[in-house]
Amino acid sequence: MRGAVLWDLDGVLADTGAAHFQAWQALLSDLGLRISHEQFAETFGMANLPILREWLGDEPVDSELVALGLRKETLYRQYVEGNVVPLPGVLDLLAAAKERGYRQAVASSGEMANIVTVIRALGIANYFDALVSGAFLPRSKPDPAIFRQAAGALAVPPAGCLVIEDGTVGVEAAGRAGMACLAVTTTHPREQLQGADLVVDSLVEISPSELAALVERA
């Protein structure tokens, strides 16, 4: 197996940040709470349980937080359905990776229902050999578990995997997993993504040969 590309979803395959923010605002409004966009950005890419624990403190039990998280994701899917398009450069890189024989997976902290909804809306399901959700893993990014699980699903060792991320926690998780990382500045400024092997403002900047160099760096 020549290698693999592990794609984050939100902010990498599609710009879904506005839909997530709307969903969180609607959920928290029902609880009499508000979050700023800065608070949202600081947690973007993390799973719901640690996000809610950070915002709501220690009092709610995990089962209450899980229920709130499920409600938020239902709201999110309502906002995103029919309103999502691939980010620039995504389709070309998906095709280039497939042509070179790389296996590909989505590795997202979102629920599987979210992943399926977005991938279906984008019309890109046939590019992927696996869809991996970290929503119910014991630890969220920056823990590397989700990327290791995705590599296992593709039967490709970590050293042969390239992670494409937009979040600081995702970049850290890729490094901890022993994988190369390409970061795109969709949701975080360049200076916060310097742990990646390469940082770009758009995936349009990456040629097929540059993608191959990152995947096959070992």
Foldseek 3Di string as FASTA:
>chain_A
DQFAEEEEPDLAFWPLLVLLQVLVQVLVVVVVDHDDVVLVLVCPQWAQQVSCCVVVPDPDDSVVSVVSSVSSVVSSLVVPQPPIETFPQNVVQLVLCVVVPHAYEYQGQDDPVVVVRRCVSHVPVVSHPYYFYNNPPPGIFVALVSVCVVCVSVVHQQDQYEYEEAGLRVLNSSVVSNHAYEYEPRRHDPVSNVSHPYYYPGNVPDDSVNVSCRNNVD
